[in-house]
Amino acid sequence: MFNKKAFTLIEMLVVVLIIGILAAIALPQYEIAVESSKVSEAVSNLSTIARAVDVYKLSVGQNTDNFDDLDVNIQGTKTSDTHLLTKYYDYHISKSSSNGTGYEVIATRSNTASQRYQYYIYINYYRGRSCTAKTQEARAICDKFCTTPTSVPAANGYYYCSLK
């Protein structure tokens, strides 16, 4: 008697509900994957900067804290001699000892729409490479790149771990 040629309202609502549930599950994983790729970029840039400081030290005899002295080509805006601002990170270079034998290169996450991913990654001439997270979301990102996942925050509330 009736020809059924269209979906009922209930069928459409069920489909929309299923799509919503799948999106709620997939979106956080997608955000973590995107943020992890940004960390990979930062670690690569930090390693490039650290190697350039080492090359500079071999040729001149001391470390530098000036990006102009280094032979690196990282896309960004130099805001001072010691700071380079890119789309996702603020890179900072400094001498880490009074006699100039050590250095530290830090990448601080910038331009975040929210404060969810607050972390920084650094390479220190003496202490190696590490990631410091200020939030639980950032901790999940750092843990993907660390040798031992962070379990308990330090006294200041930050999570620290050594990079692989």
Protein backbone atom coordinates (compact mmCIF):
# COMPACT_ATOMS: atom_id res chain seq x y z
CA MET A 1 0.00 0.00 0.00
CA PHE A 2 2.76 2.48 0.94
CA ASN A 3 5.88 2.82 -1.19
CA LYS A 4 8.90 3.47 1.03
CA LYS A 5 11.24 5.67 -1.00
CA ALA A 6 12.83 7.83 1.70
CA PHE A 7 14.52 7.49 5.09
CA THR A 8 12.47 8.09 8.19
CA LEU A 9 13.39 10.75 10.70
CA ILE A 10 14.47 8.11 13.22
CA GLU A 11 16.84 6.49 10.69
CA MET A 12 18.41 9.87 9.93
CA LEU A 13 18.85 10.64 13.65
CA VAL A 14 20.53 7.28 14.23
CA VAL A 15 22.99 7.96 11.39
CA VAL A 16 23.77 11.46 12.71
CA LEU A 17 24.27 10.03 16.20
CA ILE A 18 26.68 7.36 14.94
CA ILE A 19 28.67 9.96 12.97
CA GLY A 20 28.84 12.17 16.07
CA ILE A 21 30.14 9.34 18.24
CA LEU A 22 32.80 8.41 15.68
CA ALA A 23 33.89 12.05 15.39
CA ALA A 24 34.14 12.38 19.18
CA ILE A 25 36.43 9.36 19.27
CA ALA A 26 38.58 10.31 16.27
CA LEU A 27 39.11 14.06 16.80
CA PRO A 28 41.33 13.86 19.93
CA GLN A 29 43.54 11.25 18.26
CA TYR A 30 43.81 13.46 15.18
CA GLU A 31 44.84 16.46 17.32
CA ILE A 32 47.53 14.39 19.05
CA ALA A 33 48.85 13.17 15.68
CA VAL A 34 49.04 16.74 14.35
CA GLU A 35 50.77 18.01 17.50
CA SER A 36 53.22 15.09 17.37
CA SER A 37 54.24 16.09 13.85
CA LYS A 38 54.90 19.61 15.12
CA VAL A 39 57.12 18.18 17.88
CA SER A 40 59.03 16.18 15.26
CA GLU A 41 59.64 19.40 13.35
CA ALA A 42 60.84 21.15 16.51
CA VAL A 43 63.20 18.32 17.46
CA SER A 44 64.63 18.35 13.93
CA ASN A 45 65.12 22.14 14.02
CA LEU A 46 66.70 21.97 17.47
CA SER A 47 69.14 19.32 16.29
CA THR A 48 70.00 21.44 13.25
CA ILE A 49 70.62 24.50 15.43
CA ALA A 50 72.71 22.47 17.92
CA ARG A 51 74.85 21.06 15.10
CA ALA A 52 75.32 24.57 13.71
CA VAL A 53 76.48 25.76 17.15
CA ASP A 54 78.94 22.84 17.28
CA VAL A 55 80.27 23.72 13.80
CA TYR A 56 80.60 27.37 14.83
CA LYS A 57 82.50 26.36 17.96
CA LEU A 58 84.88 24.18 15.97
CA SER A 59 85.64 26.98 13.52
CA VAL A 60 85.75 29.96 15.94
CA GLY A 61 86.68 28.32 19.23
CA GLN A 62 83.66 29.35 21.30
CA ASN A 63 79.89 28.99 21.32
CA THR A 64 77.54 31.67 20.11
CA ASP A 65 74.12 32.83 21.21
CA ASN A 66 73.42 34.70 17.98
CA PHE A 67 71.41 33.16 15.13
CA ASP A 68 73.28 35.39 12.64
CA ASP A 69 76.48 33.48 13.40
CA LEU A 70 74.94 30.13 12.51
CA ASP A 71 74.60 28.53 9.11
CA VAL A 72 70.93 27.49 9.47
CA ASN A 73 67.95 28.16 7.27
CA ILE A 74 64.79 27.81 9.34
CA GLN A 75 61.73 29.65 8.06
CA GLY A 76 60.68 32.24 10.61
CA THR A 77 61.11 35.76 11.91
CA LYS A 78 64.15 36.66 13.94
CA THR A 79 62.82 38.79 16.80
CA SER A 80 66.27 39.32 18.34
CA ASP A 81 69.78 37.92 17.98
CA THR A 82 68.85 35.04 20.27
CA HIS A 83 65.19 34.42 19.29
CA LEU A 84 63.63 32.98 16.16
CA LEU A 85 59.83 32.84 15.89
CA THR A 86 58.26 30.28 13.54
CA LYS A 87 54.64 29.36 12.92
CA TYR A 88 54.51 26.96 15.88
CA TYR A 89 57.60 27.58 18.03
CA ASP A 90 59.76 30.28 19.56
CA TYR A 91 63.40 29.12 19.34
CA HIS A 92 65.88 30.59 21.80
CA ILE A 93 69.63 30.03 21.94
CA SER A 94 71.88 30.87 24.89
CA LYS A 95 75.26 30.11 26.34
CA SER A 96 74.70 27.91 29.36
CA SER A 97 77.94 28.54 31.21
CA SER A 98 79.91 31.63 32.15
CA ASN A 99 82.99 30.58 30.19
CA GLY A 100 80.95 29.93 27.01
CA THR A 101 81.71 26.22 26.73
CA GLY A 102 78.08 25.10 26.91
CA TYR A 103 74.90 26.11 25.14
CA GLU A 104 71.18 25.60 25.35
CA VAL A 105 68.63 25.66 22.52
CA ILE A 106 64.97 25.81 23.53
CA ALA A 107 61.79 25.47 21.46
CA THR A 108 58.72 26.80 23.26
CA ARG A 109 55.32 26.01 21.77
CA SER A 110 53.64 29.23 20.65
CA ASN A 111 50.54 30.32 18.77
CA THR A 112 48.26 27.77 20.39
CA ALA A 113 44.57 28.50 20.05
CA SER A 114 44.07 27.22 23.56
CA GLN A 115 46.46 26.62 26.40
CA ARG A 116 46.13 22.83 26.10
CA TYR A 117 49.53 22.17 24.60
CA GLN A 118 51.99 24.03 26.81
CA TYR A 119 55.43 22.49 26.60
CA TYR A 120 58.97 23.19 25.59
CA ILE A 121 61.76 21.06 24.22
CA TYR A 122 65.40 21.77 24.76
CA ILE A 123 68.87 20.58 23.96
CA ASN A 124 71.52 21.34 26.52
CA TYR A 125 75.19 20.75 25.73
CA TYR A 126 75.75 19.06 29.08
CA ARG A 127 72.38 17.54 29.97
CA GLY A 128 71.13 16.33 26.57
CA ARG A 129 67.64 16.58 25.10
CA SER A 130 64.42 16.76 27.08
CA CYS A 131 60.76 17.73 26.97
CA THR A 132 58.94 19.65 29.70
CA ALA A 133 55.14 19.66 29.77
CA LYS A 134 52.94 22.05 31.69
CA THR A 135 49.57 20.37 31.01
CA GLN A 136 48.24 16.81 30.85
CA GLU A 137 47.63 17.15 27.10
CA ALA A 138 51.21 18.32 26.58
CA ARG A 139 52.43 15.44 28.74
CA ALA A 140 50.82 12.97 26.31
CA ILE A 141 52.74 14.64 23.48
CA CYS A 142 56.08 14.59 25.32
CA ASP A 143 55.60 10.95 26.30
CA LYS A 144 55.50 9.93 22.62
CA PHE A 145 59.07 11.19 22.22
CA CYS A 146 60.59 10.29 25.60
CA THR A 147 62.63 7.27 26.64
CA THR A 148 60.60 6.84 29.83
CA PRO A 149 57.06 8.24 30.06
CA THR A 150 56.45 10.79 32.80
CA SER A 151 54.28 9.56 35.61
CA VAL A 152 54.46 12.06 38.46
CA PRO A 153 54.84 15.82 38.13
CA ALA A 154 57.78 17.58 39.73
CA ALA A 155 57.27 19.94 42.67
CA ASN A 156 56.52 22.82 40.29
CA GLY A 157 53.77 20.79 38.58
CA TYR A 158 55.68 20.26 35.32
CA TYR A 159 56.40 16.88 33.74
CA TYR A 160 60.00 16.26 32.64
CA CYS A 161 61.39 13.48 30.47
CA SER A 162 64.48 12.78 28.37
CA LEU A 163 63.99 12.54 24.61
CA LYS A 164 64.94 9.45 22.66
